[in-house]
Amino acid sequence: MKRILLAHGSGGEETQRLIKSLFIKHFSNPILERMEDSAVLETKGKIAFTTDTFTVSPPFFKGGNIGKLSVAGTVNDLSVMGARPLYLSAGFIIEEGFPLPDLEEIVRSMAEEAQRAGVSIVTGDTKVVPKGQIDRIFINTSGVGEVIYEGLSAHNLQVGDKIIVSGTVGDHGACILAEREGMEFELPVESDCRSLWGMIEKVLTSGAKVHAMRDPTRGGLSAVLNEWAEQSGVEIEIEEETLPVKESVLGLCELLGFEPTHLANEGMVVIAVAPEDAQKVLEILHSHPYGKDARIVGEVVSSENSRVILKTPYGVKRIMEAPSGELLPRIC
């Protein structure tokens, strides 16, 4: 089996061969093929710019791999700021000895996800480090997007806003935990890793008054809601029985003592929308394959306290705490 060598990161002939035979092959576009030190991009109006580094362990999991995750994660970070994703960079740090077929599978999945999301990977970098200095492979992706909808912010929630989730809660975090611990369940625990721009664009161009959006990655839904409550100075109340949680995720959480709302998603968006537009947004989400499980799960009830309240099916109310400590290491 062919493997990555230190020479592949030296900048010489082996590096050029790897770039041309693997990265250019899969990411091919006119900007990247120029192979300049910087990509010259064309856009207009306001742009959004984001960067993220992916170190997920294991790098392959049910529903995706570190490559698909690196593209989807960056696309989603742009999307929830109202920006149409346009361009990505991709930086690879690869451990010496990493199997070349595994690297090609990762790169291929990145290219496929980029195509689905309508973005181009236009620049990048590759470093190879001696065996043992990192855990297999890390990827950094940065993204540029054109802002088409302004005013999305964690500071913008208003009393009466409805809180909507576009899909089931905690899928990615549960999947990574199950994979890492070698746990098998009768019902599969699969990541929801996917790019959401196609669905989000339909919501943002519908005329609905959307005040905030966020993809609940590290810290999950609970972290997002607590951040919104603090930054907007509002109290959010969530109906526990309305939260969509897959049976497999719920079973894992009950077995190990986790809260589904603390587990990450990589293909779900949380939306705060004016009450008069909540049903409209819900219908738009339900019309898209990624939003078929969307639900209204709560609302902003007052501006007297900055907190999140979880109302149980029995009418009992308790504080939904933000997660603390390192709940799950390296989920993305």
C-alpha atoms as a PDB file:
ATOM      1  CA  MET A   1       0.000   0.000   0.000  1.00  0.00           C
ATOM      2  CA  LYS A   2       1.301   3.448  -0.918  1.00  0.00           C
ATOM      3  CA  ARG A   3       1.793   5.767   2.062  1.00  0.00           C
ATOM      4  CA  ILE A   4       2.565   9.424   2.686  1.00  0.00           C
ATOM      5  CA  LEU A   5       6.295  10.085   3.091  1.00  0.00           C
ATOM      6  CA  LEU A   6       8.068  13.034   4.672  1.00  0.00           C
ATOM      7  CA  ALA A   7       9.264  13.886   1.161  1.00  0.00           C
ATOM      8  CA  HIS A   8       5.658  14.608   0.188  1.00  0.00           C
ATOM      9  CA  GLY A   9       5.832  17.679   2.418  1.00  0.00           C
ATOM     10  CA  SER A  10       9.288  18.887   1.404  1.00  0.00           C
ATOM     11  CA  GLY A  11       8.188  21.235  -1.372  1.00  0.00           C
ATOM     12  CA  GLY A  12      10.108  19.330  -4.018  1.00  0.00           C
ATOM     13  CA  GLU A  13       9.238  16.894  -6.791  1.00  0.00           C
ATOM     14  CA  GLU A  14       7.224  14.556  -4.532  1.00  0.00           C
ATOM     15  CA  THR A  15       5.146  17.486  -3.239  1.00  0.00           C
ATOM     16  CA  GLN A  16       4.363  18.685  -6.751  1.00  0.00           C
ATOM     17  CA  ARG A  17       3.465  15.175  -7.831  1.00  0.00           C
ATOM     18  CA  LEU A  18       1.086  14.786  -4.864  1.00  0.00           C
ATOM     19  CA  ILE A  19      -0.545  18.158  -5.517  1.00  0.00           C
ATOM     20  CA  LYS A  20      -1.084  17.516  -9.210  1.00  0.00           C
ATOM     21  CA  SER A  21      -2.058  13.830  -9.016  1.00  0.00           C
ATOM     22  CA  LEU A  22      -4.367  14.125  -6.004  1.00  0.00           C
ATOM     23  CA  PHE A  23      -5.489  17.632  -5.026  1.00  0.00           C
ATOM     24  CA  ILE A  24      -5.643  19.243  -8.491  1.00  0.00           C
ATOM     25  CA  LYS A  25      -7.227  16.057  -9.814  1.00  0.00           C
ATOM     26  CA  HIS A  26     -10.172  16.238  -7.403  1.00  0.00           C
ATOM     27  CA  PHE A  27     -10.460  19.988  -6.733  1.00  0.00           C
ATOM     28  CA  SER A  28      -9.890  21.087 -10.345  1.00  0.00           C
ATOM     29  CA  ASN A  29     -11.049  24.631 -11.232  1.00  0.00           C
ATOM     30  CA  PRO A  30      -9.464  27.508 -13.204  1.00  0.00           C
ATOM     31  CA  ILE A  31      -8.364  29.440 -10.108  1.00  0.00           C
ATOM     32  CA  LEU A  32      -6.656  26.499  -8.410  1.00  0.00           C
ATOM     33  CA  GLU A  33      -4.993  25.269 -11.589  1.00  0.00           C
ATOM     34  CA  ARG A  34      -2.985  28.511 -11.812  1.00  0.00           C
ATOM     35  CA  MET A  35      -1.090  27.305  -8.707  1.00  0.00           C
ATOM     36  CA  GLU A  36      -0.207  30.823  -7.544  1.00  0.00           C
ATOM     37  CA  ASP A  37       0.774  31.756  -3.988  1.00  0.00           C
ATOM     38  CA  SER A  38      -2.641  33.375  -3.508  1.00  0.00           C
ATOM     39  CA  ALA A  39      -5.999  32.983  -5.209  1.00  0.00           C
ATOM     40  CA  VAL A  40      -7.453  36.143  -6.761  1.00  0.00           C
ATOM     41  CA  LEU A  41     -11.222  36.108  -6.205  1.00  0.00           C
ATOM     42  CA  GLU A  42     -14.088  38.084  -7.694  1.00  0.00           C
ATOM     43  CA  THR A  43     -17.117  39.097  -5.629  1.00  0.00           C
ATOM     44  CA  LYS A  44     -19.249  42.136  -4.898  1.00  0.00           C
ATOM     45  CA  GLY A  45     -20.810  43.760  -1.855  1.00  0.00           C
ATOM     46  CA  LYS A  46     -20.128  42.464   1.642  1.00  0.00           C
ATOM     47  CA  ILE A  47     -18.289  39.188   2.146  1.00  0.00           C
ATOM     48  CA  ALA A  48     -18.111  36.776   5.070  1.00  0.00           C
ATOM     49  CA  PHE A  49     -14.868  35.007   5.935  1.00  0.00           C
ATOM     50  CA  THR A  50     -14.408  32.073   8.309  1.00  0.00           C
ATOM     51  CA  THR A  51     -11.786  29.480   9.192  1.00  0.00           C
ATOM     52  CA  ASP A  52     -11.849  26.210  11.094  1.00  0.00           C
ATOM     53  CA  THR A  53      -9.495  23.316  11.792  1.00  0.00           C
ATOM     54  CA  PHE A  54     -10.728  19.729  11.894  1.00  0.00           C
ATOM     55  CA  THR A  55      -9.046  17.091  14.033  1.00  0.00           C
ATOM     56  CA  VAL A  56     -11.895  14.586  14.493  1.00  0.00           C
ATOM     57  CA  SER A  57     -10.981  11.162  15.838  1.00  0.00           C
ATOM     58  CA  PRO A  58     -11.603   8.733  14.207  1.00  0.00           C
ATOM     59  CA  PRO A  59     -11.214  10.433  10.804  1.00  0.00           C
ATOM     60  CA  PHE A  60     -13.707   8.018   9.198  1.00  0.00           C
ATOM     61  CA  PHE A  61     -17.165   7.563  10.708  1.00  0.00           C
ATOM     62  CA  LYS A  62     -20.697   6.538   9.719  1.00  0.00           C
ATOM     63  CA  GLY A  63     -22.079   9.285   7.530  1.00  0.00           C
ATOM     64  CA  GLY A  64     -18.804  10.885   6.540  1.00  0.00           C
ATOM     65  CA  ASN A  65     -15.136  11.507   7.199  1.00  0.00           C
ATOM     66  CA  ILE A  66     -12.846  14.367   8.179  1.00  0.00           C
ATOM     67  CA  GLY A  67     -12.789  15.635   4.586  1.00  0.00           C
ATOM     68  CA  LYS A  68     -16.541  15.861   4.112  1.00  0.00           C
ATOM     69  CA  LEU A  69     -16.789  17.390   7.592  1.00  0.00           C
ATOM     70  CA  SER A  70     -14.184  20.063   6.837  1.00  0.00           C
ATOM     71  CA  VAL A  71     -16.121  21.275   3.793  1.00  0.00           C
ATOM     72  CA  ALA A  72     -19.601  21.027   5.317  1.00  0.00           C
ATOM     73  CA  GLY A  73     -18.517  22.667   8.569  1.00  0.00           C
ATOM     74  CA  THR A  74     -17.032  25.702   6.847  1.00  0.00           C
ATOM     75  CA  VAL A  75     -19.913  26.011   4.362  1.00  0.00           C
ATOM     76  CA  ASN A  76     -22.380  25.948   7.266  1.00  0.00           C
ATOM     77  CA  ASP A  77     -20.458  28.594   9.224  1.00  0.00           C
ATOM     78  CA  LEU A  78     -20.825  30.945   6.262  1.00  0.00           C
ATOM     79  CA  SER A  79     -24.434  29.968   5.610  1.00  0.00           C
ATOM     80  CA  VAL A  80     -25.725  30.777   9.099  1.00  0.00           C
ATOM     81  CA  MET A  81     -24.338  34.300   8.684  1.00  0.00           C
ATOM     82  CA  GLY A  82     -26.485  34.797   5.594  1.00  0.00           C
ATOM     83  CA  ALA A  83     -23.574  34.353   3.189  1.00  0.00           C
ATOM     84  CA  ARG A  84     -23.629  32.331  -0.024  1.00  0.00           C
ATOM     85  CA  PRO A  85     -20.485  30.165   0.142  1.00  0.00           C
ATOM     86  CA  LEU A  86     -18.175  30.780  -2.804  1.00  0.00           C
ATOM     87  CA  TYR A  87     -14.584  29.757  -2.159  1.00  0.00           C
ATOM     88  CA  LEU A  88     -12.683  27.492   0.236  1.00  0.00           C
ATOM     89  CA  SER A  89      -9.051  26.882   1.059  1.00  0.00           C
ATOM     90  CA  ALA A  90      -7.825  23.490   2.261  1.00  0.00           C
ATOM     91  CA  GLY A  91      -4.723  22.992   4.408  1.00  0.00           C
ATOM     92  CA  PHE A  92      -3.599  19.445   5.232  1.00  0.00           C
ATOM     93  CA  ILE A  93      -1.278  18.307   8.027  1.00  0.00           C
ATOM     94  CA  ILE A  94      -0.603  14.617   7.413  1.00  0.00           C
ATOM     95  CA  GLU A  95       1.276  12.100   9.550  1.00  0.00           C
ATOM     96  CA  GLU A  96       4.092  10.222   7.865  1.00  0.00           C
ATOM     97  CA  GLY A  97       2.859   6.735   6.955  1.00  0.00           C
ATOM     98  CA  PHE A  98      -0.770   7.744   6.427  1.00  0.00           C
ATOM     99  CA  PRO A  99      -2.257   5.431   3.754  1.00  0.00           C
ATOM    100  CA  LEU A 100      -2.489   7.166   0.397  1.00  0.00           C
ATOM    101  CA  PRO A 101      -5.793   5.425  -0.505  1.00  0.00           C
ATOM    102  CA  ASP A 102      -7.315   6.838   2.698  1.00  0.00           C
ATOM    103  CA  LEU A 103      -6.085  10.318   1.777  1.00  0.00           C
ATOM    104  CA  GLU A 104      -7.585   9.984  -1.684  1.00  0.00           C
ATOM    105  CA  GLU A 105     -10.923   8.929  -0.194  1.00  0.00           C
ATOM    106  CA  ILE A 106     -10.851  12.004   2.064  1.00  0.00           C
ATOM    107  CA  VAL A 107      -9.982  14.329  -0.825  1.00  0.00           C
ATOM    108  CA  ARG A 108     -12.625  12.738  -3.066  1.00  0.00           C
ATOM    109  CA  SER A 109     -15.309  13.242  -0.426  1.00  0.00           C
ATOM    110  CA  MET A 110     -14.249  16.890  -0.042  1.00  0.00           C
ATOM    111  CA  ALA A 111     -14.603  17.410  -3.776  1.00  0.00           C
ATOM    112  CA  GLU A 112     -18.045  15.784  -3.810  1.00  0.00           C
ATOM    113  CA  GLU A 113     -19.287  17.851  -0.862  1.00  0.00           C
ATOM    114  CA  ALA A 114     -17.890  21.052  -2.383  1.00  0.00           C
ATOM    115  CA  GLN A 115     -19.743  20.302  -5.603  1.00  0.00           C
ATOM    116  CA  ARG A 116     -22.985  19.688  -3.704  1.00  0.00           C
ATOM    117  CA  ALA A 117     -22.541  22.984  -1.846  1.00  0.00           C
ATOM    118  CA  GLY A 118     -21.642  24.950  -4.974  1.00  0.00           C
ATOM    119  CA  VAL A 119     -18.218  26.080  -3.737  1.00  0.00           C
ATOM    120  CA  SER A 120     -14.741  25.896  -5.253  1.00  0.00           C
ATOM    121  CA  ILE A 121     -11.604  24.889  -3.366  1.00  0.00           C
ATOM    122  CA  VAL A 122      -9.217  27.454  -4.832  1.00  0.00           C
ATOM    123  CA  THR A 123      -6.051  27.307  -2.725  1.00  0.00           C
ATOM    124  CA  GLY A 124      -4.387  25.073  -0.196  1.00  0.00           C
ATOM    125  CA  ASP A 125      -1.301  23.739   1.528  1.00  0.00           C
ATOM    126  CA  THR A 126       0.105  20.344   2.517  1.00  0.00           C
ATOM    127  CA  LYS A 127       2.503  19.556   5.353  1.00  0.00           C
ATOM    128  CA  VAL A 128       3.781  16.101   6.322  1.00  0.00           C
ATOM    129  CA  VAL A 129       5.133  15.618   9.852  1.00  0.00           C
ATOM    130  CA  PRO A 130       7.122  12.697  11.313  1.00  0.00           C
ATOM    131  CA  LYS A 131       5.135   9.730  12.583  1.00  0.00           C
ATOM    132  CA  GLY A 132       3.810  10.270  16.105  1.00  0.00           C
ATOM    133  CA  GLN A 133       3.725  14.089  15.981  1.00  0.00           C
ATOM    134  CA  ILE A 134       0.001  14.226  15.139  1.00  0.00           C
ATOM    135  CA  ASP A 135      -2.869  11.752  15.062  1.00  0.00           C
ATOM    136  CA  ARG A 136      -3.085  10.751  11.385  1.00  0.00           C
ATOM    137  CA  ILE A 137      -4.498  13.825   9.637  1.00  0.00           C
ATOM    138  CA  PHE A 138      -5.721  17.344  10.452  1.00  0.00           C
ATOM    139  CA  ILE A 139      -7.417  19.666   7.934  1.00  0.00           C
ATOM    140  CA  ASN A 140      -7.887  23.438   8.035  1.00  0.00           C
ATOM    141  CA  THR A 141     -10.489  25.015   5.765  1.00  0.00           C
ATOM    142  CA  SER A 142     -11.207  28.712   5.350  1.00  0.00           C
ATOM    143  CA  GLY A 143     -14.199  30.026   3.468  1.00  0.00           C
ATOM    144  CA  VAL A 144     -15.345  33.202   1.721  1.00  0.00           C
ATOM    145  CA  GLY A 145     -18.990  33.918   1.048  1.00  0.00           C
ATOM    146  CA  GLU A 146     -21.114  36.732  -0.386  1.00  0.00           C
ATOM    147  CA  VAL A 147     -23.535  38.164   2.185  1.00  0.00           C
ATOM    148  CA  ILE A 148     -27.059  38.077   0.748  1.00  0.00           C
ATOM    149  CA  TYR A 149     -29.031  38.490   4.006  1.00  0.00           C
ATOM    150  CA  GLU A 150     -27.919  40.939   6.686  1.00  0.00           C
ATOM    151  CA  GLY A 151     -28.936  41.158  10.320  1.00  0.00           C
ATOM    152  CA  LEU A 152     -28.350  37.606  11.573  1.00  0.00           C
ATOM    153  CA  SER A 153     -26.792  37.831  15.020  1.00  0.00           C
ATOM    154  CA  ALA A 154     -26.829  36.238  18.456  1.00  0.00           C
ATOM    155  CA  HIS A 155     -27.648  39.751  19.741  1.00  0.00           C
ATOM    156  CA  ASN A 156     -30.892  40.089  17.768  1.00  0.00           C
ATOM    157  CA  LEU A 157     -33.395  37.797  19.515  1.00  0.00           C
ATOM    158  CA  GLN A 158     -36.669  39.428  20.495  1.00  0.00           C
ATOM    159  CA  VAL A 159     -39.469  38.455  22.865  1.00  0.00           C
ATOM    160  CA  GLY A 160     -41.922  36.269  20.982  1.00  0.00           C
ATOM    161  CA  ASP A 161     -39.359  34.791  18.582  1.00  0.00           C
ATOM    162  CA  LYS A 162     -39.893  31.103  17.877  1.00  0.00           C
ATOM    163  CA  ILE A 163     -36.973  28.692  18.106  1.00  0.00           C
ATOM    164  CA  ILE A 164     -36.804  26.123  15.309  1.00  0.00           C
ATOM    165  CA  VAL A 165     -34.416  23.198  14.822  1.00  0.00           C
ATOM    166  CA  SER A 166     -34.102  21.879  11.277  1.00  0.00           C
ATOM    167  CA  GLY A 167     -33.410  18.265  12.270  1.00  0.00           C
ATOM    168  CA  THR A 168     -32.728  15.727  14.984  1.00  0.00           C
ATOM    169  CA  VAL A 169     -30.528  16.698  17.928  1.00  0.00           C
ATOM    170  CA  GLY A 170     -27.073  15.339  18.802  1.00  0.00           C
ATOM    171  CA  ASP A 171     -26.492  13.028  15.828  1.00  0.00           C
ATOM    172  CA  HIS A 172     -22.842  13.820  15.097  1.00  0.00           C
ATOM    173  CA  GLY A 173     -21.605  13.800  18.689  1.00  0.00           C
ATOM    174  CA  ALA A 174     -23.379  10.511  19.388  1.00  0.00           C
ATOM    175  CA  CYS A 175     -21.908   8.963  16.238  1.00  0.00           C
ATOM    176  CA  ILE A 176     -18.334   9.962  17.076  1.00  0.00           C
ATOM    177  CA  LEU A 177     -18.722   8.695  20.646  1.00  0.00           C
ATOM    178  CA  ALA A 178     -20.088   5.343  19.445  1.00  0.00           C
ATOM    179  CA  GLU A 179     -17.326   4.979  16.830  1.00  0.00           C
ATOM    180  CA  ARG A 180     -14.586   5.853  19.299  1.00  0.00           C
ATOM    181  CA  GLU A 181     -15.820   3.409  21.914  1.00  0.00           C
ATOM    182  CA  GLY A 182     -16.609   0.641  19.410  1.00  0.00           C
ATOM    183  CA  MET A 183     -20.259   0.571  20.441  1.00  0.00           C
ATOM    184  CA  GLU A 184     -22.796  -1.155  18.196  1.00  0.00           C
ATOM    185  CA  PHE A 185     -26.528  -0.516  18.419  1.00  0.00           C
ATOM    186  CA  GLU A 186     -29.488  -2.217  16.814  1.00  0.00           C
ATOM    187  CA  LEU A 187     -30.399   1.153  15.306  1.00  0.00           C
ATOM    188  CA  PRO A 188     -27.437   2.844  13.578  1.00  0.00           C
ATOM    189  CA  VAL A 189     -25.899   5.962  15.117  1.00  0.00           C
ATOM    190  CA  GLU A 190     -24.923   8.048  12.099  1.00  0.00           C
ATOM    191  CA  SER A 191     -23.519  11.553  11.734  1.00  0.00           C
ATOM    192  CA  ASP A 192     -25.694  14.204  10.093  1.00  0.00           C
ATOM    193  CA  CYS A 193     -22.609  15.736   8.415  1.00  0.00           C
ATOM    194  CA  ARG A 194     -23.795  17.761   5.392  1.00  0.00           C
ATOM    195  CA  SER A 195     -23.747  21.239   3.850  1.00  0.00           C
ATOM    196  CA  LEU A 196     -26.885  23.276   4.552  1.00  0.00           C
ATOM    197  CA  TRP A 197     -26.667  26.262   2.205  1.00  0.00           C
ATOM    198  CA  GLY A 198     -29.260  24.945  -0.248  1.00  0.00           C
ATOM    199  CA  MET A 199     -31.844  24.694   2.535  1.00  0.00           C
ATOM    200  CA  ILE A 200     -30.823  27.863   4.358  1.00  0.00           C
ATOM    201  CA  GLU A 201     -30.954  29.950   1.172  1.00  0.00           C
ATOM    202  CA  LYS A 202     -34.626  29.036   0.702  1.00  0.00           C
ATOM    203  CA  VAL A 203     -35.379  30.326   4.208  1.00  0.00           C
ATOM    204  CA  LEU A 204     -33.381  33.546   3.842  1.00  0.00           C
ATOM    205  CA  THR A 205     -34.877  34.463   0.470  1.00  0.00           C
ATOM    206  CA  SER A 206     -38.467  33.754   1.553  1.00  0.00           C
ATOM    207  CA  GLY A 207     -39.057  37.152   3.145  1.00  0.00           C
ATOM    208  CA  ALA A 208     -39.319  35.646   6.633  1.00  0.00           C
ATOM    209  CA  LYS A 209     -37.968  37.803   9.477  1.00  0.00           C
ATOM    210  CA  VAL A 210     -35.109  35.599  10.688  1.00  0.00           C
ATOM    211  CA  HIS A 211     -33.148  37.121  13.562  1.00  0.00           C
ATOM    212  CA  ALA A 212     -30.472  34.501  14.243  1.00  0.00           C
ATOM    213  CA  MET A 213     -29.112  31.217  12.916  1.00  0.00           C
ATOM    214  CA  ARG A 214     -26.460  28.869  14.223  1.00  0.00           C
ATOM    215  CA  ASP A 215     -25.189  25.383  13.485  1.00  0.00           C
ATOM    216  CA  PRO A 216     -24.899  23.673  16.890  1.00  0.00           C
ATOM    217  CA  THR A 217     -21.493  22.020  16.701  1.00  0.00           C
ATOM    218  CA  ARG A 218     -19.333  21.866  19.844  1.00  0.00           C
ATOM    219  CA  GLY A 219     -21.572  22.186  22.891  1.00  0.00           C
ATOM    220  CA  GLY A 220     -24.671  21.285  20.886  1.00  0.00           C
ATOM    221  CA  LEU A 221     -28.074  22.935  21.041  1.00  0.00           C
ATOM    222  CA  SER A 222     -27.658  23.853  24.697  1.00  0.00           C
ATOM    223  CA  ALA A 223     -24.522  25.912  24.018  1.00  0.00           C
ATOM    224  CA  VAL A 224     -26.216  27.818  21.181  1.00  0.00           C
ATOM    225  CA  LEU A 225     -29.328  28.673  23.190  1.00  0.00           C
ATOM    226  CA  ASN A 226     -27.349  29.784  26.235  1.00  0.00           C
ATOM    227  CA  GLU A 227     -25.136  31.995  24.085  1.00  0.00           C
ATOM    228  CA  TRP A 228     -28.198  33.564  22.471  1.00  0.00           C
ATOM    229  CA  ALA A 229     -29.869  34.130  25.840  1.00  0.00           C
ATOM    230  CA  GLU A 230     -26.779  35.826  27.248  1.00  0.00           C
ATOM    231  CA  GLN A 231     -25.952  37.986  24.225  1.00  0.00           C
ATOM    232  CA  SER A 232     -29.538  39.094  23.574  1.00  0.00           C
ATOM    233  CA  GLY A 233     -30.471  39.417  27.267  1.00  0.00           C
ATOM    234  CA  VAL A 234     -33.528  37.189  26.959  1.00  0.00           C
ATOM    235  CA  GLU A 235     -35.112  34.126  28.524  1.00  0.00           C
ATOM    236  CA  ILE A 236     -35.711  31.195  26.166  1.00  0.00           C
ATOM    237  CA  GLU A 237     -38.123  28.405  27.058  1.00  0.00           C
ATOM    238  CA  ILE A 238     -37.816  25.019  25.334  1.00  0.00           C
ATOM    239  CA  GLU A 239     -40.463  22.277  25.345  1.00  0.00           C
ATOM    240  CA  GLU A 240     -38.554  19.051  25.986  1.00  0.00           C
ATOM    241  CA  GLU A 241     -41.155  16.802  24.366  1.00  0.00           C
ATOM    242  CA  THR A 242     -40.903  18.710  21.085  1.00  0.00           C
ATOM    243  CA  LEU A 243     -37.149  18.105  20.712  1.00  0.00           C
ATOM    244  CA  PRO A 244     -36.568  15.650  17.846  1.00  0.00           C
ATOM    245  CA  VAL A 245     -34.063  13.021  19.029  1.00  0.00           C
ATOM    246  CA  LYS A 246     -33.446   9.730  17.253  1.00  0.00           C
ATOM    247  CA  GLU A 247     -34.038   6.574  19.293  1.00  0.00           C
ATOM    248  CA  SER A 248     -30.439   5.464  18.769  1.00  0.00           C
ATOM    249  CA  VAL A 249     -29.083   8.778  20.076  1.00  0.00           C
ATOM    250  CA  LEU A 250     -31.485   8.779  23.010  1.00  0.00           C
ATOM    251  CA  GLY A 251     -30.487   5.190  23.864  1.00  0.00           C
ATOM    252  CA  LEU A 252     -26.781   6.049  23.855  1.00  0.00           C
ATOM    253  CA  CYS A 253     -27.390   9.106  26.033  1.00  0.00           C
ATOM    254  CA  GLU A 254     -29.446   7.123  28.545  1.00  0.00           C
ATOM    255  CA  LEU A 255     -26.772   4.419  28.655  1.00  0.00           C
ATOM    256  CA  LEU A 256     -23.851   6.792  29.214  1.00  0.00           C
ATOM    257  CA  GLY A 257     -25.544   9.646  31.074  1.00  0.00           C
ATOM    258  CA  PHE A 258     -25.333  12.335  28.387  1.00  0.00           C
ATOM    259  CA  GLU A 259     -27.849  15.027  27.479  1.00  0.00           C
ATOM    260  CA  PRO A 260     -28.735  14.982  23.763  1.00  0.00           C
ATOM    261  CA  THR A 261     -28.758  18.788  23.797  1.00  0.00           C
ATOM    262  CA  HIS A 262     -25.052  18.762  24.747  1.00  0.00           C
ATOM    263  CA  LEU A 263     -24.038  16.657  21.730  1.00  0.00           C
ATOM    264  CA  ALA A 264     -22.921  18.215  18.462  1.00  0.00           C
ATOM    265  CA  ASN A 265     -24.660  18.336  15.136  1.00  0.00           C
ATOM    266  CA  GLU A 266     -22.907  18.928  11.801  1.00  0.00           C
ATOM    267  CA  GLY A 267     -25.981  19.109   9.568  1.00  0.00           C
ATOM    268  CA  MET A 268     -28.669  20.908  11.555  1.00  0.00           C
ATOM    269  CA  VAL A 269     -29.424  24.603  12.007  1.00  0.00           C
ATOM    270  CA  VAL A 270     -31.103  26.427  14.903  1.00  0.00           C
ATOM    271  CA  ILE A 271     -33.238  29.390  13.854  1.00  0.00           C
ATOM    272  CA  ALA A 272     -34.793  32.278  15.782  1.00  0.00           C
ATOM    273  CA  VAL A 273     -37.632  33.762  13.733  1.00  0.00           C
ATOM    274  CA  ALA A 274     -40.428  36.270  14.290  1.00  0.00           C
ATOM    275  CA  PRO A 275     -43.581  34.443  15.466  1.00  0.00           C
ATOM    276  CA  GLU A 276     -45.683  35.467  12.468  1.00  0.00           C
ATOM    277  CA  ASP A 277     -43.185  33.780  10.122  1.00  0.00           C
ATOM    278  CA  ALA A 278     -42.494  30.608  12.127  1.00  0.00           C
ATOM    279  CA  GLN A 279     -44.950  28.374  10.251  1.00  0.00           C
ATOM    280  CA  LYS A 280     -43.720  29.698   6.928  1.00  0.00           C
ATOM    281  CA  VAL A 281     -40.125  28.797   7.809  1.00  0.00           C
ATOM    282  CA  LEU A 282     -41.214  25.396   9.081  1.00  0.00           C
ATOM    283  CA  GLU A 283     -42.969  24.626   5.796  1.00  0.00           C
ATOM    284  CA  ILE A 284     -39.880  25.652   3.815  1.00  0.00           C
ATOM    285  CA  LEU A 285     -37.687  23.373   5.924  1.00  0.00           C
ATOM    286  CA  HIS A 286     -40.110  20.457   5.571  1.00  0.00           C
ATOM    287  CA  SER A 287     -39.974  20.851   1.778  1.00  0.00           C
ATOM    288  CA  HIS A 288     -36.206  20.142   1.796  1.00  0.00           C
ATOM    289  CA  PRO A 289     -34.743  16.645   2.399  1.00  0.00           C
ATOM    290  CA  TYR A 290     -32.481  17.959   5.181  1.00  0.00           C
ATOM    291  CA  GLY A 291     -35.379  19.642   6.997  1.00  0.00           C
ATOM    292  CA  LYS A 292     -37.988  16.885   7.110  1.00  0.00           C
ATOM    293  CA  ASP A 293     -37.592  16.549  10.916  1.00  0.00           C
ATOM    294  CA  ALA A 294     -37.754  20.310  11.588  1.00  0.00           C
ATOM    295  CA  ARG A 295     -39.816  21.448  14.566  1.00  0.00           C
ATOM    296  CA  ILE A 296     -40.653  24.530  16.575  1.00  0.00           C
ATOM    297  CA  VAL A 297     -39.157  23.668  19.968  1.00  0.00           C
ATOM    298  CA  GLY A 298     -39.583  26.848  22.001  1.00  0.00           C
ATOM    299  CA  GLU A 299     -39.722  30.615  22.118  1.00  0.00           C
ATOM    300  CA  VAL A 300     -38.246  33.725  23.644  1.00  0.00           C
ATOM    301  CA  VAL A 301     -40.534  34.418  26.607  1.00  0.00           C
ATOM    302  CA  SER A 302     -39.130  37.542  28.302  1.00  0.00           C
ATOM    303  CA  SER A 303     -36.271  40.001  28.537  1.00  0.00           C
ATOM    304  CA  GLU A 304     -36.048  39.887  32.334  1.00  0.00           C
ATOM    305  CA  ASN A 305     -33.526  37.046  32.642  1.00  0.00           C
ATOM    306  CA  SER A 306     -30.693  35.769  30.484  1.00  0.00           C
ATOM    307  CA  ARG A 307     -31.249  32.032  30.722  1.00  0.00           C
ATOM    308  CA  VAL A 308     -32.663  28.950  29.039  1.00  0.00           C
ATOM    309  CA  ILE A 309     -35.515  27.024  30.639  1.00  0.00           C
ATOM    310  CA  LEU A 310     -36.376  23.421  29.741  1.00  0.00           C
ATOM    311  CA  LYS A 311     -40.014  22.490  30.336  1.00  0.00           C
ATOM    312  CA  THR A 312     -40.511  18.737  30.811  1.00  0.00           C
ATOM    313  CA  PRO A 313     -43.594  16.820  29.619  1.00  0.00           C
ATOM    314  CA  TYR A 314     -44.774  16.839  33.261  1.00  0.00           C
ATOM    315  CA  GLY A 315     -44.788  20.634  33.436  1.00  0.00           C
ATOM    316  CA  VAL A 316     -41.637  20.834  35.558  1.00  0.00           C
ATOM    317  CA  LYS A 317     -39.225  23.599  34.573  1.00  0.00           C
ATOM    318  CA  ARG A 318     -35.469  23.477  35.047  1.00  0.00           C
ATOM    319  CA  ILE A 319     -32.478  25.445  33.851  1.00  0.00           C
ATOM    320  CA  MET A 320     -30.885  24.105  30.672  1.00  0.00           C
ATOM    321  CA  GLU A 321     -27.247  24.503  31.580  1.00  0.00           C
ATOM    322  CA  ALA A 322     -24.575  25.074  28.994  1.00  0.00           C
ATOM    323  CA  PRO A 323     -22.120  22.148  28.854  1.00  0.00           C
ATOM    324  CA  SER A 324     -18.888  22.590  30.814  1.00  0.00           C
ATOM    325  CA  GLY A 325     -15.558  20.834  30.582  1.00  0.00           C
ATOM    326  CA  GLU A 326     -14.479  18.636  27.677  1.00  0.00           C
ATOM    327  CA  LEU A 327     -17.576  16.582  26.995  1.00  0.00           C
ATOM    328  CA  LEU A 328     -16.326  14.780  23.879  1.00  0.00           C
ATOM    329  CA  PRO A 329     -12.754  15.359  22.724  1.00  0.00           C
ATOM    330  CA  ARG A 330     -12.194  16.014  19.023  1.00  0.00           C
ATOM    331  CA  ILE A 331     -15.648  15.681  17.534  1.00  0.00           C
ATOM    332  CA  CYS A 332     -14.700  17.999  14.653  1.00  0.00           C
END
